[in-house]
Amino acid sequence: MNIAIVGVGLVGRVLALNLLKDGHTLTLFDESSREGIDAAGFTAAGMLAPFAELETAESVIFDYGKRSMELWPNILKEAGVYDGLQLKGTIITAHPQDIPELEHFITSLRNKVSEAKEIKMLDSQELSELEPELGHHSKAFYLKDEGQVDAQRFMAFSTNTLTMDPNITWKDYTKVDKIEPAKVFYGDEVEEFDWVFDSRGLGAKEYFDDLRGVRGEVFWLESSEVNISRPTRLLHPRYKIYIVPRENGCEGMDLEYCKECKISQAPGSKRYIVGATEIESDDRSPVSVRSSLELLSAVFSVHPSFGEARVVNTETNCRPAFKDNLPRIENSEKLTRINGLYRHGYLLAPAIIEKALSEGINKE
């Protein structure tokens, strides 16, 4: 088929990689650059945390997440990323005064899915053996069946893979005004296709009147004195932060963005992504003072050596979400719309797209 994908962020890229395997010809529309640096999928930490997200999510998120973790290895291979998946589990800890919050968190998980009953609590000695530099925390939980995708590497390498594919036509910096079954309207033009996929995120507000943005802010920190190997979460009554190691930094990412920002990794240092705020807003302006104070003071409390870390970049973006914070698939003849992945983009995208394809174009 001759297929259009409108919106080439995380969902659009995973869609494209799936459809290419089936021999389709694709036209990719995006109002920004093909590098995808304006997409929420570039800002994301890329955590695969079906258990950790359960406290504030429906159990269907857990089911989709488990399936996505099975699908990610092949997707990354298709994108040319061979070092972008880590499955070492997640550490969740809290300060001594917030231990009840930590215990309530795990109790909530255990009440939602039976698999959570196997989550192991670590004392300081056991935590020291797993993550030596976190041994000063008195208690933690280890979620062994979790991991992360290196979101920035996925976006960069998928750009290269899709650009080089002869079955793809890019139309970046192209604002699409309207989508109808088998038709894409932009500028003064209308193009017809065998099928159209709408994966524009917040760009689809002209169709979804109940779509909203949820602002998230992250810091990229670099340190030669911190060596944490797993995604680590700190629970707090006001905020829940994550620290996600990026062992490869910008290595191998041929992005003009990285060259302009001069954020290539210093020798002997390690990169960490720290986030993420969750603010009901479509605002994509720079990181606020309040968020900076909360996130950076929290990460310093997790590991004192973060006090000498360097802030090499900050990112702000808005995740698309509906009122129930659940993803939505709308399939009709010659048109599929996928939206509302909220804060679960990397956790949900492969499974949601698999479902959308099986109920839509592949069913035809």
Protein backbone atom coordinates (compact mmCIF):
# COMPACT_ATOMS: atom_id res chain seq x y z
CA MET A 1 0.00 0.00 0.00
CA ASN A 2 0.87 3.66 -0.38
CA ILE A 3 0.52 4.95 3.21
CA ALA A 4 0.77 8.35 4.91
CA ILE A 5 1.90 8.83 8.51
CA VAL A 6 1.13 12.30 9.85
CA GLY A 7 3.22 13.06 12.92
CA VAL A 8 6.64 11.40 13.11
CA GLY A 9 7.38 11.40 16.81
CA LEU A 10 7.72 8.19 18.80
CA VAL A 11 4.42 6.68 17.62
CA GLY A 12 5.00 7.68 14.00
CA ARG A 13 8.46 6.12 13.95
CA VAL A 14 7.39 2.84 15.51
CA LEU A 15 4.51 2.75 13.02
CA ALA A 16 6.87 3.38 10.11
CA LEU A 17 9.28 0.64 11.16
CA ASN A 18 6.40 -1.84 11.46
CA LEU A 19 4.87 -0.92 8.10
CA LEU A 20 8.19 -1.04 6.26
CA LYS A 21 8.62 -4.68 7.26
CA ASP A 22 5.38 -5.46 5.41
CA GLY A 23 6.63 -3.85 2.20
CA HIS A 24 4.52 -0.68 2.19
CA THR A 25 5.57 2.66 0.67
CA LEU A 26 5.39 5.53 3.15
CA THR A 27 5.09 9.30 3.09
CA LEU A 28 5.97 10.90 6.43
CA PHE A 29 4.49 14.30 7.30
CA ASP A 30 5.78 16.35 10.21
CA GLU A 31 5.56 20.04 11.00
CA SER A 32 9.04 20.00 12.56
CA SER A 33 12.41 18.62 11.43
CA ARG A 34 12.87 14.96 10.65
CA GLU A 35 15.40 14.67 13.51
CA GLY A 36 12.43 14.70 15.90
CA ILE A 37 14.06 16.89 18.54
CA ASP A 38 10.79 18.77 19.11
CA ALA A 39 8.88 15.55 19.78
CA ALA A 40 7.92 14.39 23.27
CA GLY A 41 9.63 11.11 22.34
CA PHE A 42 12.99 12.92 22.24
CA THR A 43 12.53 14.57 25.65
CA ALA A 44 11.46 11.32 27.32
CA ALA A 45 13.61 9.21 29.62
CA GLY A 46 12.30 6.09 27.86
CA MET A 47 11.59 4.05 30.97
CA LEU A 48 9.98 0.63 30.61
CA ALA A 49 8.36 0.53 34.03
CA PRO A 50 5.07 -1.40 33.95
CA PHE A 51 5.18 -2.02 37.71
CA ALA A 52 6.31 1.44 38.83
CA GLU A 53 3.56 3.14 36.81
CA LEU A 54 0.82 0.96 38.30
CA GLU A 55 0.19 3.13 41.36
CA THR A 56 -1.48 5.85 39.30
CA ALA A 57 -2.44 3.83 36.20
CA GLU A 58 -5.00 1.24 35.15
CA SER A 59 -3.94 -2.41 35.00
CA VAL A 60 -4.32 -2.28 31.20
CA ILE A 61 -1.19 -0.10 31.18
CA PHE A 62 0.65 -2.94 32.88
CA ASP A 63 -0.52 -5.45 30.25
CA TYR A 64 0.42 -3.20 27.34
CA GLY A 65 3.76 -2.46 29.01
CA LYS A 66 4.70 -6.12 29.37
CA ARG A 67 3.92 -6.70 25.70
CA SER A 68 5.90 -3.65 24.63
CA MET A 69 8.95 -4.94 26.48
CA GLU A 70 8.76 -8.09 24.35
CA LEU A 71 8.51 -6.03 21.15
CA TRP A 72 11.20 -3.40 21.75
CA PRO A 73 14.28 -5.54 20.92
CA ASN A 74 13.15 -6.11 17.33
CA ILE A 75 11.99 -2.50 16.89
CA LEU A 76 15.38 -1.21 18.00
CA LYS A 77 17.09 -3.65 15.66
CA GLU A 78 14.98 -2.36 12.76
CA ALA A 79 15.99 1.20 13.70
CA GLY A 80 19.68 0.27 13.75
CA VAL A 81 20.06 0.70 17.53
CA TYR A 82 22.05 -2.16 19.03
CA ASP A 83 22.96 -0.60 22.39
CA GLY A 84 19.76 1.24 23.33
CA LEU A 85 17.97 -1.27 25.56
CA GLN A 86 18.73 -1.89 29.22
CA LEU A 87 16.82 -4.44 31.30
CA LYS A 88 18.51 -4.26 34.70
CA GLY A 89 15.39 -3.40 36.69
CA THR A 90 14.42 -0.29 38.67
CA ILE A 91 15.31 0.86 42.19
CA ILE A 92 12.61 2.71 44.16
CA THR A 93 13.62 4.36 47.43
CA ALA A 94 12.58 7.15 49.81
CA HIS A 95 13.99 9.21 52.65
CA PRO A 96 13.50 7.75 56.17
CA GLN A 97 10.59 10.08 56.97
CA ASP A 98 8.88 8.99 53.73
CA ILE A 99 9.20 5.21 54.18
CA PRO A 100 5.40 4.94 54.80
CA GLU A 101 4.92 6.51 51.37
CA LEU A 102 7.23 3.87 49.89
CA GLU A 103 5.39 1.02 51.61
CA HIS A 104 2.02 2.39 50.50
CA PHE A 105 3.34 2.58 46.94
CA ILE A 106 4.30 -1.09 46.87
CA THR A 107 1.07 -2.14 48.59
CA SER A 108 -0.87 -0.38 45.82
CA LEU A 109 1.06 -2.33 43.20
CA ARG A 110 0.52 -5.66 44.95
CA ASN A 111 -3.21 -5.03 45.14
CA LYS A 112 -3.45 -4.41 41.39
CA VAL A 113 -1.48 -7.30 39.85
CA SER A 114 -0.40 -10.63 41.26
CA GLU A 115 3.08 -10.35 39.70
CA ALA A 116 3.84 -7.41 42.01
CA LYS A 117 3.80 -9.75 45.00
CA GLU A 118 7.28 -10.88 43.93
CA ILE A 119 8.76 -7.40 44.27
CA LYS A 120 11.67 -7.62 46.68
CA MET A 121 12.42 -5.18 49.48
CA LEU A 122 16.11 -4.46 50.00
CA ASP A 123 17.81 -3.36 53.20
CA SER A 124 20.86 -1.09 53.00
CA GLN A 125 23.25 -4.05 52.76
CA GLU A 126 21.36 -5.68 49.90
CA LEU A 127 21.00 -2.32 48.15
CA SER A 128 24.78 -1.78 48.49
CA GLU A 129 25.39 -5.09 46.74
CA LEU A 130 23.05 -4.17 43.87
CA GLU A 131 23.89 -0.45 43.58
CA PRO A 132 26.94 0.28 45.75
CA GLU A 133 26.53 4.06 45.64
CA LEU A 134 22.97 3.93 46.99
CA GLY A 135 23.76 1.93 50.11
CA HIS A 136 23.23 4.93 52.39
CA HIS A 137 19.47 4.56 51.85
CA SER A 138 17.91 2.40 54.55
CA LYS A 139 15.25 0.73 52.38
CA ALA A 140 14.43 0.26 48.73
CA PHE A 141 12.39 -1.95 46.46
CA TYR A 142 13.90 -3.68 43.46
CA LEU A 143 11.62 -4.10 40.44
CA LYS A 144 13.70 -6.59 38.51
CA ASP A 145 11.46 -6.87 35.44
CA GLU A 146 11.85 -3.28 34.27
CA GLY A 147 14.28 -1.33 32.13
CA GLN A 148 14.67 1.53 29.70
CA VAL A 149 15.05 2.46 26.06
CA ASP A 150 17.61 5.13 25.24
CA ALA A 151 15.03 7.53 23.82
CA GLN A 152 17.49 9.97 22.29
CA ARG A 153 19.40 7.22 20.50
CA PHE A 154 16.17 5.70 19.20
CA MET A 155 15.06 9.03 17.76
CA ALA A 156 18.46 9.73 16.21
CA PHE A 157 19.09 6.32 14.71
CA SER A 158 15.51 5.91 13.47
CA THR A 159 15.90 9.24 11.66
CA ASN A 160 18.91 7.86 9.79
CA THR A 161 17.23 4.53 9.04
CA LEU A 162 14.02 6.10 7.74
CA THR A 163 15.87 8.76 5.74
CA MET A 164 17.96 6.17 3.91
CA ASP A 165 15.04 3.86 3.08
CA PRO A 166 14.05 4.16 -0.62
CA ASN A 167 10.41 3.38 0.20
CA ILE A 168 10.03 6.54 2.28
CA THR A 169 9.30 10.12 1.27
CA TRP A 170 9.81 12.74 3.98
CA LYS A 171 7.73 15.90 4.09
CA ASP A 172 9.18 17.58 7.17
CA TYR A 173 8.39 21.18 8.07
CA THR A 174 4.95 20.51 6.60
CA LYS A 175 1.89 21.60 8.53
CA VAL A 176 -1.07 19.29 7.87
CA ASP A 177 -4.38 21.15 8.09
CA LYS A 178 -6.82 18.25 7.95
CA ILE A 179 -6.93 14.47 7.67
CA GLU A 180 -9.72 12.43 6.12
CA PRO A 181 -9.89 8.75 5.17
CA ALA A 182 -7.23 8.22 2.47
CA LYS A 183 -6.56 12.00 2.23
CA VAL A 184 -4.07 14.47 3.70
CA PHE A 185 -4.67 18.22 3.32
CA TYR A 186 -1.75 20.64 3.63
CA GLY A 187 -1.26 24.12 2.24
CA ASP A 188 -3.15 24.25 -1.05
CA GLU A 189 -2.62 20.56 -1.72
CA VAL A 190 -4.53 17.34 -1.15
CA GLU A 191 -2.78 13.98 -1.46
CA GLU A 192 -4.55 10.65 -1.66
CA PHE A 193 -3.26 7.41 -0.14
CA ASP A 194 -4.43 3.84 0.39
CA TRP A 195 -4.35 4.45 4.16
CA VAL A 196 -3.58 7.35 6.50
CA PHE A 197 -2.29 7.20 10.09
CA ASP A 198 -2.78 10.20 12.36
CA SER A 199 -0.11 10.16 15.10
CA ARG A 200 0.26 13.90 15.66
CA GLY A 201 -0.09 13.93 19.44
CA LEU A 202 -1.20 17.41 20.50
CA GLY A 203 -1.22 18.41 16.84
CA ALA A 204 -4.49 16.48 16.49
CA LYS A 205 -6.50 18.87 18.66
CA GLU A 206 -8.50 19.91 15.60
CA TYR A 207 -10.02 16.43 15.74
CA PHE A 208 -9.88 15.41 19.44
CA ASP A 209 -11.61 18.15 21.43
CA ASP A 210 -10.82 16.39 24.74
CA LEU A 211 -7.06 16.13 24.13
CA ARG A 212 -4.85 18.03 26.58
CA GLY A 213 -1.17 18.60 27.19
CA VAL A 214 0.73 17.54 30.33
CA ARG A 215 3.97 19.44 30.68
CA GLY A 216 7.14 17.59 31.65
CA GLU A 217 10.61 18.96 32.38
CA VAL A 218 13.91 17.08 32.50
CA PHE A 219 17.56 17.80 33.20
CA TRP A 220 20.54 16.15 31.55
CA LEU A 221 23.28 15.88 34.16
CA GLU A 222 26.84 14.77 33.66
CA SER A 223 29.13 13.50 36.43
CA SER A 224 32.38 11.62 36.81
CA GLU A 225 31.66 11.02 40.51
CA VAL A 226 28.32 9.21 40.28
CA ASN A 227 27.99 5.65 39.06
CA ILE A 228 24.38 4.47 39.21
CA SER A 229 23.62 1.75 36.68
CA ARG A 230 19.82 1.41 36.93
CA PRO A 231 16.87 3.77 36.69
CA THR A 232 16.24 4.99 40.24
CA ARG A 233 13.08 6.60 41.61
CA LEU A 234 12.72 8.67 44.74
CA LEU A 235 9.24 8.83 46.28
CA HIS A 236 8.21 12.01 48.04
CA PRO A 237 4.78 13.27 49.16
CA ARG A 238 4.99 16.22 46.72
CA TYR A 239 6.90 14.80 43.79
CA LYS A 240 8.31 11.55 42.41
CA ILE A 241 11.57 11.92 40.53
CA TYR A 242 13.52 9.48 38.41
CA ILE A 243 17.22 9.28 37.62
CA VAL A 244 17.98 7.38 34.43
CA PRO A 245 21.58 6.56 33.42
CA ARG A 246 22.61 7.10 29.80
CA GLU A 247 25.88 5.27 29.47
CA ASN A 248 26.44 6.22 25.82
CA GLY A 249 25.58 9.92 26.10
CA CYS A 250 25.55 11.40 22.59
CA GLU A 251 28.11 8.94 21.24
CA GLY A 252 27.25 7.86 17.72
CA MET A 253 24.31 10.27 17.44
CA ASP A 254 24.93 12.28 14.30
CA LEU A 255 22.62 15.09 15.36
CA GLU A 256 23.21 18.72 14.51
CA TYR A 257 21.35 19.41 17.75
CA CYS A 258 24.10 17.84 19.84
CA LYS A 259 26.82 19.69 17.95
CA GLU A 260 25.10 23.03 18.43
CA CYS A 261 24.55 22.44 22.15
CA LYS A 262 28.11 21.16 22.63
CA ILE A 263 26.86 18.43 24.95
CA SER A 264 29.06 15.57 23.78
CA GLN A 265 30.07 13.58 26.82
CA ALA A 266 33.24 14.42 28.73
CA PRO A 267 35.79 11.58 29.10
CA GLY A 268 35.20 9.49 32.22
CA SER A 269 31.80 11.01 32.93
CA LYS A 270 28.34 9.51 32.85
CA ARG A 271 25.11 11.07 31.64
CA TYR A 272 21.84 10.99 33.62
CA ILE A 273 18.36 12.15 32.71
CA VAL A 274 16.47 13.50 35.70
CA GLY A 275 12.73 14.24 35.69
CA ALA A 276 9.94 14.62 35.51
CA THR A 277 7.43 17.19 36.46
CA GLU A 278 3.78 16.62 35.61
CA ILE A 279 1.98 19.93 35.11
CA GLU A 280 -1.44 20.41 33.51
CA SER A 281 -0.37 22.79 30.77
CA ASP A 282 0.40 23.04 27.04
CA ASP A 283 3.27 25.43 27.84
CA ARG A 284 6.62 24.40 26.31
CA SER A 285 8.65 27.35 27.59
CA PRO A 286 11.96 26.70 29.44
CA VAL A 287 12.18 24.90 32.78
CA SER A 288 10.76 26.90 35.70
CA VAL A 289 12.67 27.94 38.82
CA ARG A 290 10.35 25.86 41.04
CA SER A 291 10.91 22.70 38.99
CA SER A 292 14.65 23.33 38.95
CA LEU A 293 14.80 23.67 42.72
CA GLU A 294 12.67 20.61 43.39
CA LEU A 295 14.28 18.27 40.88
CA LEU A 296 17.89 19.25 41.55
CA SER A 297 17.55 19.27 45.34
CA ALA A 298 15.86 15.86 45.16
CA VAL A 299 18.56 14.34 42.98
CA PHE A 300 21.23 15.79 45.31
CA SER A 301 19.50 14.05 48.24
CA VAL A 302 19.63 10.72 46.40
CA HIS A 303 23.39 10.98 45.85
CA PRO A 304 25.43 13.90 47.34
CA SER A 305 27.97 13.77 44.49
CA PHE A 306 25.29 15.10 42.16
CA GLY A 307 26.12 18.42 43.82
CA GLU A 308 29.18 18.62 41.54
CA ALA A 309 27.41 17.30 38.44
CA ARG A 310 27.11 19.56 35.40
CA VAL A 311 23.78 20.54 33.90
CA VAL A 312 24.46 20.00 30.21
CA ASN A 313 20.92 20.39 28.91
CA THR A 314 17.32 20.94 29.92
CA GLU A 315 14.28 19.82 27.95
CA THR A 316 10.60 20.72 28.21
CA ASN A 317 7.74 19.09 26.35
CA CYS A 318 4.04 18.25 26.59
CA ARG A 319 2.61 14.74 26.54
CA PRO A 320 -0.76 14.23 24.83
CA ALA A 321 -3.42 12.86 27.16
CA PHE A 322 -7.17 12.34 27.43
CA LYS A 323 -9.27 12.74 30.59
CA ASP A 324 -8.80 9.10 31.60
CA ASN A 325 -5.05 9.20 30.82
CA LEU A 326 -5.49 6.10 28.64
CA PRO A 327 -4.39 5.71 25.01
CA ARG A 328 -6.95 5.81 22.25
CA ILE A 329 -7.10 3.99 18.91
CA GLU A 330 -9.71 4.92 16.32
CA ASN A 331 -9.85 2.70 13.25
CA SER A 332 -12.08 3.37 10.27
CA GLU A 333 -11.82 2.52 6.60
CA LYS A 334 -8.50 3.86 5.27
CA LEU A 335 -7.77 5.89 8.43
CA THR A 336 -6.27 5.09 11.85
CA ARG A 337 -5.78 7.59 14.67
CA ILE A 338 -3.49 6.82 17.64
CA ASN A 339 -3.14 9.29 20.50
CA GLY A 340 -3.12 9.93 24.23
CA LEU A 341 -0.12 7.87 25.36
CA TYR A 342 0.33 10.40 28.20
CA ARG A 343 3.52 9.76 30.22
CA HIS A 344 3.77 6.15 29.04
CA GLY A 345 5.04 6.66 25.49
CA TYR A 346 7.91 4.17 25.37
CA LEU A 347 6.09 1.77 27.66
CA LEU A 348 2.99 1.64 25.46
CA ALA A 349 3.87 2.51 21.87
CA PRO A 350 4.87 -0.92 20.49
CA ALA A 351 1.87 -2.75 21.99
CA ILE A 352 -0.62 -0.01 21.09
CA ILE A 353 0.62 0.06 17.51
CA GLU A 354 0.48 -3.72 17.28
CA LYS A 355 -3.15 -3.55 18.39
CA ALA A 356 -3.98 -0.68 16.02
CA LEU A 357 -2.51 -2.49 13.03
CA SER A 358 -4.24 -5.78 13.83
CA GLU A 359 -7.61 -4.06 14.15
CA GLY A 360 -7.14 -1.77 11.17
CA ILE A 361 -4.94 -2.03 8.12
CA ASN A 362 -3.84 -5.65 8.71
CA LYS A 363 -7.44 -6.72 9.22
CA GLU A 364 -8.26 -5.34 5.79
